Amino acid sequence: MGHLLENIPDELPEELFETILAQSDFKLERIVSRGHATPAGHWYDQVADEWVLLVKGCAGLRIENQEEEILLQPGDYILLPAHCRHRVEWTDPENDTIWLVLHYLPRT
């Protein structure tokens, strides 16, 4: 048994990635951010679909070739299809931002 909002280090120099459950075709993970963002010039381009739920905190997400930044608040979720280039522009520097992320292979 676990708890998404507990066991978070006081110091978080880098984002915390924890696998909750994994099998050959999917991975469920908790990510904890505290003022973290994707490095400048870097875009995530993943081979798996990614369903993201923001559990706590807030964040700004950018999808390549979209003008508007997406503001995520608790309860918001988004599906990022495989190869949808995206980046995290910012997360709250004062509070933990907790994500629940499901990576899964698209059906062929």
PDB file of N, CA and C in Angstrom:
ATOM      1  N   MET A   1       0.848  -1.183   0.000  1.00  0.00           N
ATOM      2  CA  MET A   1       0.000   0.000   0.000  1.00  0.00           C
ATOM      3  C   MET A   1       0.885   1.234   0.000  1.00  0.00           C
ATOM      4  N   GLY A   2       0.447   2.257  -0.679  1.00  0.00           N
ATOM      5  CA  GLY A   2       1.191   3.507  -0.730  1.00  0.00           C
ATOM      6  C   GLY A   2       0.238   4.683  -0.663  1.00  0.00           C
ATOM      7  N   HIS A   3       0.811   5.877  -0.687  1.00  0.00           N
ATOM      8  CA  HIS A   3       0.026   7.106  -0.645  1.00  0.00           C
ATOM      9  C   HIS A   3       0.708   8.115  -1.555  1.00  0.00           C
ATOM     10  N   LEU A   4      -0.019   8.670  -2.520  1.00  0.00           N
ATOM     11  CA  LEU A   4       0.570   9.579  -3.501  1.00  0.00           C
ATOM     12  C   LEU A   4       1.124  10.860  -2.891  1.00  0.00           C
ATOM     13  N   LEU A   5       0.586  11.281  -1.754  1.00  0.00           N
ATOM     14  CA  LEU A   5       0.972  12.571  -1.181  1.00  0.00           C
ATOM     15  C   LEU A   5       1.993  12.450  -0.062  1.00  0.00           C
ATOM     16  N   GLU A   6       2.482  11.251   0.201  1.00  0.00           N
ATOM     17  CA  GLU A   6       3.415  11.045   1.311  1.00  0.00           C
ATOM     18  C   GLU A   6       4.775  10.580   0.803  1.00  0.00           C
ATOM     19  N   ASN A   7       5.732  10.517   1.741  1.00  0.00           N
ATOM     20  CA  ASN A   7       7.096  10.055   1.470  1.00  0.00           C
ATOM     21  C   ASN A   7       7.779  10.876   0.390  1.00  0.00           C
ATOM     22  N   ILE A   8       7.698  12.193   0.550  1.00  0.00           N
ATOM     23  CA  ILE A   8       8.359  13.124  -0.363  1.00  0.00           C
ATOM     24  C   ILE A   8       9.527  13.759   0.396  1.00  0.00           C
ATOM     25  N   PRO A   9      10.732  13.698  -0.152  1.00  0.00           N
ATOM     26  CA  PRO A   9      11.892  14.267   0.545  1.00  0.00           C
ATOM     27  C   PRO A   9      11.746  15.771   0.779  1.00  0.00           C
ATOM     28  N   ASP A  10      12.334  16.252   1.876  1.00  0.00           N
ATOM     29  CA  ASP A  10      12.334  17.690   2.154  1.00  0.00           C
ATOM     30  C   ASP A  10      13.115  18.444   1.082  1.00  0.00           C
ATOM     31  N   GLU A  11      14.249  17.890   0.695  1.00  0.00           N
ATOM     32  CA  GLU A  11      15.081  18.475  -0.357  1.00  0.00           C
ATOM     33  C   GLU A  11      14.793  17.734  -1.649  1.00  0.00           C
ATOM     34  N   LEU A  12      14.593  18.470  -2.730  1.00  0.00           N
ATOM     35  CA  LEU A  12      14.259  17.852  -4.009  1.00  0.00           C
ATOM     36  C   LEU A  12      15.039  18.575  -5.120  1.00  0.00           C
ATOM     37  N   PRO A  13      16.368  18.338  -5.182  1.00  0.00           N
ATOM     38  CA  PRO A  13      17.169  19.028  -6.199  1.00  0.00           C
ATOM     39  C   PRO A  13      16.798  18.632  -7.628  1.00  0.00           C
ATOM     40  N   GLU A  14      16.284  17.422  -7.796  1.00  0.00           N
ATOM     41  CA  GLU A  14      15.805  16.960  -9.097  1.00  0.00           C
ATOM     42  C   GLU A  14      14.402  16.399  -8.919  1.00  0.00           C
ATOM     43  N   GLU A  15      13.659  16.343 -10.014  1.00  0.00           N
ATOM     44  CA  GLU A  15      12.331  15.742  -9.937  1.00  0.00           C
ATOM     45  C   GLU A  15      12.443  14.310  -9.437  1.00  0.00           C
ATOM     46  N   LEU A  16      11.414  13.882  -8.735  1.00  0.00           N
ATOM     47  CA  LEU A  16      11.362  12.526  -8.198  1.00  0.00           C
ATOM     48  C   LEU A  16      10.448  11.689  -9.083  1.00  0.00           C
ATOM     49  N   PHE A  17      10.990  10.602  -9.641  1.00  0.00           N
ATOM     50  CA  PHE A  17      10.229   9.674 -10.476  1.00  0.00           C
ATOM     51  C   PHE A  17      10.164   8.348  -9.750  1.00  0.00           C
ATOM     52  N   GLU A  18       8.954   7.860  -9.491  1.00  0.00           N
ATOM     53  CA  GLU A  18       8.770   6.579  -8.812  1.00  0.00           C
ATOM     54  C   GLU A  18       7.783   5.718  -9.592  1.00  0.00           C
ATOM     55  N   THR A  19       8.222   4.521  -9.953  1.00  0.00           N
ATOM     56  CA  THR A  19       7.329   3.589 -10.625  1.00  0.00           C
ATOM     57  C   THR A  19       6.418   2.947  -9.594  1.00  0.00           C
ATOM     58  N   ILE A  20       5.119   3.023  -9.825  1.00  0.00           N
ATOM     59  CA  ILE A  20       4.137   2.424  -8.930  1.00  0.00           C
ATOM     60  C   ILE A  20       3.799   1.016  -9.393  1.00  0.00           C
ATOM     61  N   LEU A  21       3.656   0.857 -10.714  1.00  0.00           N
ATOM     62  CA  LEU A  21       3.278  -0.425 -11.293  1.00  0.00           C
ATOM     63  C   LEU A  21       3.780  -0.456 -12.722  1.00  0.00           C
ATOM     64  N   ALA A  22       4.327  -1.595 -13.145  1.00  0.00           N
ATOM     65  CA  ALA A  22       4.816  -1.698 -14.520  1.00  0.00           C
ATOM     66  C   ALA A  22       4.642  -3.115 -15.036  1.00  0.00           C
ATOM     67  N   GLN A  23       4.335  -3.207 -16.320  1.00  0.00           N
ATOM     68  CA  GLN A  23       4.313  -4.460 -17.054  1.00  0.00           C
ATOM     69  C   GLN A  23       4.936  -4.181 -18.411  1.00  0.00           C
ATOM     70  N   SER A  24       4.932  -5.162 -19.279  1.00  0.00           N
ATOM     71  CA  SER A  24       5.636  -5.002 -20.547  1.00  0.00           C
ATOM     72  C   SER A  24       5.060  -3.895 -21.421  1.00  0.00           C
ATOM     73  N   ASP A  25       3.770  -3.609 -21.317  1.00  0.00           N
ATOM     74  CA  ASP A  25       3.172  -2.617 -22.208  1.00  0.00           C
ATOM     75  C   ASP A  25       2.689  -1.342 -21.512  1.00  0.00           C
ATOM     76  N   PHE A  26       2.938  -1.196 -20.202  1.00  0.00           N
ATOM     77  CA  PHE A  26       2.580   0.054 -19.535  1.00  0.00           C
ATOM     78  C   PHE A  26       3.422   0.276 -18.285  1.00  0.00           C
ATOM     79  N   LYS A  27       3.473   1.538 -17.887  1.00  0.00           N
ATOM     80  CA  LYS A  27       4.134   1.913 -16.634  1.00  0.00           C
ATOM     81  C   LYS A  27       3.322   3.035 -16.004  1.00  0.00           C
ATOM     82  N   LEU A  28       3.020   2.895 -14.724  1.00  0.00           N
ATOM     83  CA  LEU A  28       2.332   3.915 -13.948  1.00  0.00           C
ATOM     84  C   LEU A  28       3.352   4.492 -12.981  1.00  0.00           C
ATOM     85  N   GLU A  29       3.492   5.822 -12.997  1.00  0.00           N
ATOM     86  CA  GLU A  29       4.490   6.426 -12.113  1.00  0.00           C
ATOM     87  C   GLU A  29       3.972   7.688 -11.455  1.00  0.00           C
ATOM     88  N   ARG A  30       4.588   7.981 -10.320  1.00  0.00           N
ATOM     89  CA  ARG A  30       4.359   9.247  -9.629  1.00  0.00           C
ATOM     90  C   ARG A  30       5.578  10.116  -9.895  1.00  0.00           C
ATOM     91  N   ILE A  31       5.308  11.354 -10.254  1.00  0.00           N
ATOM     92  CA  ILE A  31       6.379  12.330 -10.430  1.00  0.00           C
ATOM     93  C   ILE A  31       6.111  13.462  -9.458  1.00  0.00           C
ATOM     94  N   VAL A  32       7.147  13.886  -8.744  1.00  0.00           N
ATOM     95  CA  VAL A  32       7.029  15.021  -7.839  1.00  0.00           C
ATOM     96  C   VAL A  32       7.991  16.105  -8.329  1.00  0.00           C
ATOM     97  N   SER A  33       7.434  17.286  -8.573  1.00  0.00           N
ATOM     98  CA  SER A  33       8.206  18.441  -9.027  1.00  0.00           C
ATOM     99  C   SER A  33       8.079  19.548  -7.994  1.00  0.00           C
ATOM    100  N   ARG A  34       9.125  20.329  -7.864  1.00  0.00           N
ATOM    101  CA  ARG A  34       9.083  21.499  -6.975  1.00  0.00           C
ATOM    102  C   ARG A  34       9.911  22.598  -7.642  1.00  0.00           C
ATOM    103  N   GLY A  35       9.245  23.327  -8.528  1.00  0.00           N
ATOM    104  CA  GLY A  35       9.956  24.371  -9.271  1.00  0.00           C
ATOM    105  C   GLY A  35      10.733  23.823 -10.459  1.00  0.00           C
ATOM    106  N   HIS A  36      10.541  22.566 -10.794  1.00  0.00           N
ATOM    107  CA  HIS A  36      11.268  21.963 -11.901  1.00  0.00           C
ATOM    108  C   HIS A  36      10.570  22.248 -13.228  1.00  0.00           C
ATOM    109  N   ALA A  37      11.354  22.212 -14.299  1.00  0.00           N
ATOM    110  CA  ALA A  37      10.839  22.402 -15.652  1.00  0.00           C
ATOM    111  C   ALA A  37      11.737  21.613 -16.598  1.00  0.00           C
ATOM    112  N   THR A  38      11.254  21.402 -17.799  1.00  0.00           N
ATOM    113  CA  THR A  38      12.059  20.747 -18.825  1.00  0.00           C
ATOM    114  C   THR A  38      13.205  21.686 -19.196  1.00  0.00           C
ATOM    115  N   PRO A  39      14.422  21.170 -19.331  1.00  0.00           N
ATOM    116  CA  PRO A  39      15.549  22.039 -19.704  1.00  0.00           C
ATOM    117  C   PRO A  39      15.271  22.810 -21.000  1.00  0.00           C
ATOM    118  N   ALA A  40      15.794  24.022 -21.071  1.00  0.00           N
ATOM    119  CA  ALA A  40      15.601  24.876 -22.247  1.00  0.00           C
ATOM    120  C   ALA A  40      16.021  24.136 -23.516  1.00  0.00           C
ATOM    121  N   GLY A  41      15.178  24.251 -24.533  1.00  0.00           N
ATOM    122  CA  GLY A  41      15.483  23.641 -25.822  1.00  0.00           C
ATOM    123  C   GLY A  41      15.167  22.163 -25.938  1.00  0.00           C
ATOM    124  N   HIS A  42      14.761  21.517 -24.832  1.00  0.00           N
ATOM    125  CA  HIS A  42      14.469  20.079 -24.860  1.00  0.00           C
ATOM    126  C   HIS A  42      12.968  19.856 -25.005  1.00  0.00           C
ATOM    127  N   TRP A  43      12.604  18.877 -25.826  1.00  0.00           N
ATOM    128  CA  TRP A  43      11.215  18.458 -25.991  1.00  0.00           C
ATOM    129  C   TRP A  43      11.135  16.967 -25.741  1.00  0.00           C
ATOM    130  N   TYR A  44      10.149  16.539 -24.975  1.00  0.00           N
ATOM    131  CA  TYR A  44       9.897  15.108 -24.825  1.00  0.00           C
ATOM    132  C   TYR A  44       9.223  14.609 -26.100  1.00  0.00           C
ATOM    133  N   ASP A  45       9.692  13.476 -26.603  1.00  0.00           N
ATOM    134  CA  ASP A  45       9.135  12.842 -27.801  1.00  0.00           C
ATOM    135  C   ASP A  45       9.181  11.349 -27.527  1.00  0.00           C
ATOM    136  N   GLN A  46       8.112  10.822 -26.973  1.00  0.00           N
ATOM    137  CA  GLN A  46       8.099   9.467 -26.445  1.00  0.00           C
ATOM    138  C   GLN A  46       7.414   8.494 -27.396  1.00  0.00           C
ATOM    139  N   VAL A  47       7.833   7.235 -27.338  1.00  0.00           N
ATOM    140  CA  VAL A  47       7.267   6.204 -28.211  1.00  0.00           C
ATOM    141  C   VAL A  47       5.941   5.677 -27.676  1.00  0.00           C
ATOM    142  N   ALA A  48       5.635   5.946 -26.431  1.00  0.00           N
ATOM    143  CA  ALA A  48       4.387   5.473 -25.818  1.00  0.00           C
ATOM    144  C   ALA A  48       3.409   6.636 -25.666  1.00  0.00           C
ATOM    145  N   ASP A  49       2.113   6.308 -25.654  1.00  0.00           N
ATOM    146  CA  ASP A  49       1.109   7.298 -25.266  1.00  0.00           C
ATOM    147  C   ASP A  49       1.319   7.606 -23.789  1.00  0.00           C
ATOM    148  N   GLU A  50       0.923   8.806 -23.379  1.00  0.00           N
ATOM    149  CA  GLU A  50       1.115   9.220 -21.989  1.00  0.00           C
ATOM    150  C   GLU A  50      -0.144   9.935 -21.512  1.00  0.00           C
ATOM    151  N   TRP A  51      -0.778   9.365 -20.485  1.00  0.00           N
ATOM    152  CA  TRP A  51      -1.930   9.985 -19.850  1.00  0.00           C
ATOM    153  C   TRP A  51      -1.434  10.585 -18.546  1.00  0.00           C
ATOM    154  N   VAL A  52      -1.674  11.874 -18.350  1.00  0.00           N
ATOM    155  CA  VAL A  52      -1.132  12.610 -17.215  1.00  0.00           C
ATOM    156  C   VAL A  52      -2.273  13.204 -16.398  1.00  0.00           C
ATOM    157  N   LEU A  53      -2.243  12.962 -15.090  1.00  0.00           N
ATOM    158  CA  LEU A  53      -3.194  13.553 -14.152  1.00  0.00           C
ATOM    159  C   LEU A  53      -2.404  14.402 -13.166  1.00  0.00           C
ATOM    160  N   LEU A  54      -2.770  15.666 -13.037  1.00  0.00           N
ATOM    161  CA  LEU A  54      -2.144  16.505 -12.028  1.00  0.00           C
ATOM    162  C   LEU A  54      -2.930  16.335 -10.732  1.00  0.00           C
ATOM    163  N   VAL A  55      -2.280  15.785  -9.724  1.00  0.00           N
ATOM    164  CA  VAL A  55      -2.935  15.462  -8.455  1.00  0.00           C
ATOM    165  C   VAL A  55      -2.905  16.651  -7.496  1.00  0.00           C
ATOM    166  N   LYS A  56      -1.750  17.343  -7.453  1.00  0.00           N
ATOM    167  CA  LYS A  56      -1.562  18.440  -6.499  1.00  0.00           C
ATOM    168  C   LYS A  56      -0.614  19.450  -7.120  1.00  0.00           C
ATOM    169  N   GLY A  57      -0.804  20.723  -6.783  1.00  0.00           N
ATOM    170  CA  GLY A  57       0.089  21.765  -7.281  1.00  0.00           C
ATOM    171  C   GLY A  57      -0.426  22.372  -8.570  1.00  0.00           C
ATOM    172  N   CYS A  58       0.497  22.917  -9.367  1.00  0.00           N
ATOM    173  CA  CYS A  58       0.129  23.486 -10.655  1.00  0.00           C
ATOM    174  C   CYS A  58       1.355  23.479 -11.556  1.00  0.00           C
ATOM    175  N   ALA A  59       1.083  23.517 -12.858  1.00  0.00           N
ATOM    176  CA  ALA A  59       2.169  23.435 -13.832  1.00  0.00           C
ATOM    177  C   ALA A  59       1.735  24.040 -15.153  1.00  0.00           C
ATOM    178  N   GLY A  60       2.707  24.438 -15.940  1.00  0.00           N
ATOM    179  CA  GLY A  60       2.469  24.910 -17.295  1.00  0.00           C
ATOM    180  C   GLY A  60       3.069  23.913 -18.271  1.00  0.00           C
ATOM    181  N   LEU A  61       2.269  23.457 -19.210  1.00  0.00           N
ATOM    182  CA  LEU A  61       2.689  22.465 -20.199  1.00  0.00           C
ATOM    183  C   LEU A  61       2.619  23.107 -21.577  1.00  0.00           C
ATOM    184  N   ARG A  62       3.608  22.865 -22.392  1.00  0.00           N
ATOM    185  CA  ARG A  62       3.608  23.373 -23.758  1.00  0.00           C
ATOM    186  C   ARG A  62       3.691  22.206 -24.722  1.00  0.00           C
ATOM    187  N   ILE A  63       2.839  22.237 -25.743  1.00  0.00           N
ATOM    188  CA  ILE A  63       2.873  21.255 -26.814  1.00  0.00           C
ATOM    189  C   ILE A  63       3.438  21.969 -28.042  1.00  0.00           C
ATOM    190  N   GLU A  64       4.378  21.323 -28.695  1.00  0.00           N
ATOM    191  CA  GLU A  64       5.038  21.941 -29.847  1.00  0.00           C
ATOM    192  C   GLU A  64       4.003  22.373 -30.885  1.00  0.00           C
ATOM    193  N   ASN A  65       4.223  23.548 -31.457  1.00  0.00           N
ATOM    194  CA  ASN A  65       3.374  24.135 -32.504  1.00  0.00           C
ATOM    195  C   ASN A  65       2.005  24.578 -32.001  1.00  0.00           C
ATOM    196  N   GLN A  66       1.844  24.674 -30.694  1.00  0.00           N
ATOM    197  CA  GLN A  66       0.625  25.276 -30.139  1.00  0.00           C
ATOM    198  C   GLN A  66       1.030  26.552 -29.417  1.00  0.00           C
ATOM    199  N   GLU A  67       0.361  27.634 -29.754  1.00  0.00           N
ATOM    200  CA  GLU A  67       0.714  28.924 -29.170  1.00  0.00           C
ATOM    201  C   GLU A  67       0.458  28.994 -27.676  1.00  0.00           C
ATOM    202  N   GLU A  68      -0.683  28.500 -27.265  1.00  0.00           N
ATOM    203  CA  GLU A  68      -1.110  28.637 -25.873  1.00  0.00           C
ATOM    204  C   GLU A  68      -0.440  27.619 -24.952  1.00  0.00           C
ATOM    205  N   GLU A  69       0.056  28.097 -23.836  1.00  0.00           N
ATOM    206  CA  GLU A  69       0.535  27.201 -22.778  1.00  0.00           C
ATOM    207  C   GLU A  69      -0.693  26.611 -22.082  1.00  0.00           C
ATOM    208  N   ILE A  70      -0.607  25.362 -21.696  1.00  0.00           N
ATOM    209  CA  ILE A  70      -1.702  24.687 -21.001  1.00  0.00           C
ATOM    210  C   ILE A  70      -1.450  24.774 -19.502  1.00  0.00           C
ATOM    211  N   LEU A  71      -2.375  25.368 -18.775  1.00  0.00           N
ATOM    212  CA  LEU A  71      -2.279  25.455 -17.320  1.00  0.00           C
ATOM    213  C   LEU A  71      -2.951  24.231 -16.723  1.00  0.00           C
ATOM    214  N   LEU A  72      -2.199  23.471 -15.934  1.00  0.00           N
ATOM    215  CA  LEU A  72      -2.749  22.290 -15.259  1.00  0.00           C
ATOM    216  C   LEU A  72      -2.883  22.570 -13.773  1.00  0.00           C
ATOM    217  N   GLN A  73      -4.056  22.255 -13.247  1.00  0.00           N
ATOM    218  CA  GLN A  73      -4.345  22.396 -11.824  1.00  0.00           C
ATOM    219  C   GLN A  73      -4.862  21.054 -11.314  1.00  0.00           C
ATOM    220  N   PRO A  74      -4.967  20.875  -9.997  1.00  0.00           N
ATOM    221  CA  PRO A  74      -5.386  19.580  -9.464  1.00  0.00           C
ATOM    222  C   PRO A  74      -6.676  19.082 -10.103  1.00  0.00           C
ATOM    223  N   GLY A  75      -6.625  17.818 -10.510  1.00  0.00           N
ATOM    224  CA  GLY A  75      -7.767  17.183 -11.148  1.00  0.00           C
ATOM    225  C   GLY A  75      -7.721  17.227 -12.664  1.00  0.00           C
ATOM    226  N   ASP A  76      -6.890  18.112 -13.241  1.00  0.00           N
ATOM    227  CA  ASP A  76      -6.776  18.190 -14.696  1.00  0.00           C
ATOM    228  C   ASP A  76      -5.987  16.999 -15.220  1.00  0.00           C
ATOM    229  N   TYR A  77      -6.420  16.482 -16.365  1.00  0.00           N
ATOM    230  CA  TYR A  77      -5.666  15.413 -17.020  1.00  0.00           C
ATOM    231  C   TYR A  77      -5.596  15.687 -18.509  1.00  0.00           C
ATOM    232  N   ILE A  78      -4.602  15.071 -19.151  1.00  0.00           N
ATOM    233  CA  ILE A  78      -4.391  15.259 -20.576  1.00  0.00           C
ATOM    234  C   ILE A  78      -3.792  13.983 -21.155  1.00  0.00           C
ATOM    235  N   LEU A  79      -4.163  13.694 -22.391  1.00  0.00           N
ATOM    236  CA  LEU A  79      -3.579  12.574 -23.114  1.00  0.00           C
ATOM    237  C   LEU A  79      -2.579  13.127 -24.113  1.00  0.00           C
ATOM    238  N   LEU A  80      -1.355  12.657 -24.016  1.00  0.00           N
ATOM    239  CA  LEU A  80      -0.295  13.041 -24.945  1.00  0.00           C
ATOM    240  C   LEU A  80       0.016  11.816 -25.799  1.00  0.00           C
ATOM    241  N   PRO A  81      -0.456  11.801 -27.044  1.00  0.00           N
ATOM    242  CA  PRO A  81      -0.201  10.635 -27.894  1.00  0.00           C
ATOM    243  C   PRO A  81       1.293  10.445 -28.142  1.00  0.00           C
ATOM    244  N   ALA A  82       1.663   9.235 -28.502  1.00  0.00           N
ATOM    245  CA  ALA A  82       3.060   8.949 -28.839  1.00  0.00           C
ATOM    246  C   ALA A  82       3.557   9.986 -29.841  1.00  0.00           C
ATOM    247  N   HIS A  83       4.775  10.453 -29.616  1.00  0.00           N
ATOM    248  CA  HIS A  83       5.479  11.416 -30.474  1.00  0.00           C
ATOM    249  C   HIS A  83       4.862  12.812 -30.478  1.00  0.00           C
ATOM    250  N   CYS A  84       3.982  13.102 -29.531  1.00  0.00           N
ATOM    251  CA  CYS A  84       3.492  14.467 -29.335  1.00  0.00           C
ATOM    252  C   CYS A  84       4.586  15.198 -28.549  1.00  0.00           C
ATOM    253  N   ARG A  85       5.309  16.047 -29.247  1.00  0.00           N
ATOM    254  CA  ARG A  85       6.435  16.736 -28.590  1.00  0.00           C
ATOM    255  C   ARG A  85       5.885  17.761 -27.598  1.00  0.00           C
ATOM    256  N   HIS A  86       6.380  17.668 -26.355  1.00  0.00           N
ATOM    257  CA  HIS A  86       5.869  18.518 -25.286  1.00  0.00           C
ATOM    258  C   HIS A  86       6.973  18.800 -24.282  1.00  0.00           C
ATOM    259  N   ARG A  87       6.702  19.783 -23.428  1.00  0.00           N
ATOM    260  CA  ARG A  87       7.657  20.148 -22.380  1.00  0.00           C
ATOM    261  C   ARG A  87       6.902  20.767 -21.203  1.00  0.00           C
ATOM    262  N   VAL A  88       7.493  20.660 -20.031  1.00  0.00           N
ATOM    263  CA  VAL A  88       6.956  21.322 -18.840  1.00  0.00           C
ATOM    264  C   VAL A  88       7.655  22.672 -18.736  1.00  0.00           C
ATOM    265  N   GLU A  89       6.883  23.744 -18.862  1.00  0.00           N
ATOM    266  CA  GLU A  89       7.446  25.094 -18.813  1.00  0.00           C
ATOM    267  C   GLU A  89       7.796  25.511 -17.384  1.00  0.00           C
ATOM    268  N   TRP A  90       6.974  25.110 -16.422  1.00  0.00           N
ATOM    269  CA  TRP A  90       7.200  25.488 -15.030  1.00  0.00           C
ATOM    270  C   TRP A  90       6.336  24.627 -14.109  1.00  0.00           C
ATOM    271  N   THR A  91       6.771  24.528 -12.880  1.00  0.00           N
ATOM    272  CA  THR A  91       5.952  23.980 -11.795  1.00  0.00           C
ATOM    273  C   THR A  91       6.111  24.915 -10.602  1.00  0.00           C
ATOM    274  N   ASP A  92       5.180  24.859  -9.691  1.00  0.00           N
ATOM    275  CA  ASP A  92       5.170  25.734  -8.515  1.00  0.00           C
ATOM    276  C   ASP A  92       6.476  25.576  -7.733  1.00  0.00           C
ATOM    277  N   PRO A  93       7.237  26.656  -7.549  1.00  0.00           N
ATOM    278  CA  PRO A  93       8.497  26.553  -6.813  1.00  0.00           C
ATOM    279  C   PRO A  93       8.325  26.459  -5.292  1.00  0.00           C
ATOM    280  N   GLU A  94       7.148  26.829  -4.796  1.00  0.00           N
ATOM    281  CA  GLU A  94       6.908  26.872  -3.354  1.00  0.00           C
ATOM    282  C   GLU A  94       6.249  25.615  -2.806  1.00  0.00           C
ATOM    283  N   ASN A  95       5.592  24.855  -3.676  1.00  0.00           N
ATOM    284  CA  ASN A  95       4.828  23.686  -3.238  1.00  0.00           C
ATOM    285  C   ASN A  95       5.088  22.513  -4.166  1.00  0.00           C
ATOM    286  N   ASP A  96       4.840  21.323  -3.659  1.00  0.00           N
ATOM    287  CA  ASP A  96       5.006  20.128  -4.483  1.00  0.00           C
ATOM    288  C   ASP A  96       3.934  20.075  -5.564  1.00  0.00           C
ATOM    289  N   THR A  97       4.356  19.727  -6.754  1.00  0.00           N
ATOM    290  CA  THR A  97       3.438  19.394  -7.840  1.00  0.00           C
ATOM    291  C   THR A  97       3.544  17.887  -8.021  1.00  0.00           C
ATOM    292  N   ILE A  98       2.415  17.202  -7.867  1.00  0.00           N
ATOM    293  CA  ILE A  98       2.409  15.737  -7.922  1.00  0.00           C
ATOM    294  C   ILE A  98       1.606  15.300  -9.135  1.00  0.00           C
ATOM    295  N   TRP A  99       2.268  14.488  -9.955  1.00  0.00           N
ATOM    296  CA  TRP A  99       1.688  13.967 -11.185  1.00  0.00           C
ATOM    297  C   TRP A  99       1.493  12.462 -11.048  1.00  0.00           C
ATOM    298  N   LEU A 100       0.436  11.951 -11.648  1.00  0.00           N
ATOM    299  CA  LEU A 100       0.260  10.522 -11.830  1.00  0.00           C
ATOM    300  C   LEU A 100       0.267  10.312 -13.346  1.00  0.00           C
ATOM    301  N   VAL A 101       1.211   9.490 -13.822  1.00  0.00           N
ATOM    302  CA  VAL A 101       1.442   9.371 -15.262  1.00  0.00           C
ATOM    303  C   VAL A 101       1.370   7.904 -15.671  1.00  0.00           C
ATOM    304  N   LEU A 102       0.564   7.654 -16.685  1.00  0.00           N
ATOM    305  CA  LEU A 102       0.442   6.309 -17.246  1.00  0.00           C
ATOM    306  C   LEU A 102       1.034   6.328 -18.647  1.00  0.00           C
ATOM    307  N   HIS A 103       2.114   5.570 -18.841  1.00  0.00           N
ATOM    308  CA  HIS A 103       2.736   5.391 -20.155  1.00  0.00           C
ATOM    309  C   HIS A 103       2.257   4.045 -20.682  1.00  0.00           C
ATOM    310  N   TYR A 104       1.734   4.031 -21.905  1.00  0.00           N
ATOM    311  CA  TYR A 104       1.290   2.762 -22.469  1.00  0.00           C
ATOM    312  C   TYR A 104       1.496   2.762 -23.977  1.00  0.00           C
ATOM    313  N   LEU A 105       1.737   1.584 -24.500  1.00  0.00           N
ATOM    314  CA  LEU A 105       1.992   1.449 -25.934  1.00  0.00           C
ATOM    315  C   LEU A 105       0.684   1.572 -26.704  1.00  0.00           C
ATOM    316  N   PRO A 106       0.704   2.344 -27.791  1.00  0.00           N
ATOM    317  CA  PRO A 106      -0.510   2.462 -28.581  1.00  0.00           C
ATOM    318  C   PRO A 106      -0.858   1.133 -29.248  1.00  0.00           C
ATOM    319  N   ARG A 107      -2.140   0.892 -29.421  1.00  0.00           N
ATOM    320  CA  ARG A 107      -2.578  -0.332 -30.106  1.00  0.00           C
ATOM    321  C   ARG A 107      -2.331  -0.186 -31.590  1.00  0.00           C
ATOM    322  N   THR A 108      -1.940  -1.292 -32.191  1.00  0.00           N
ATOM    323  CA  THR A 108      -1.686  -1.255 -33.636  1.00  0.00           C
ATOM    324  C   THR A 108      -2.781  -1.955 -34.396  1.00  0.00           C
TER     325      THR A 108
END
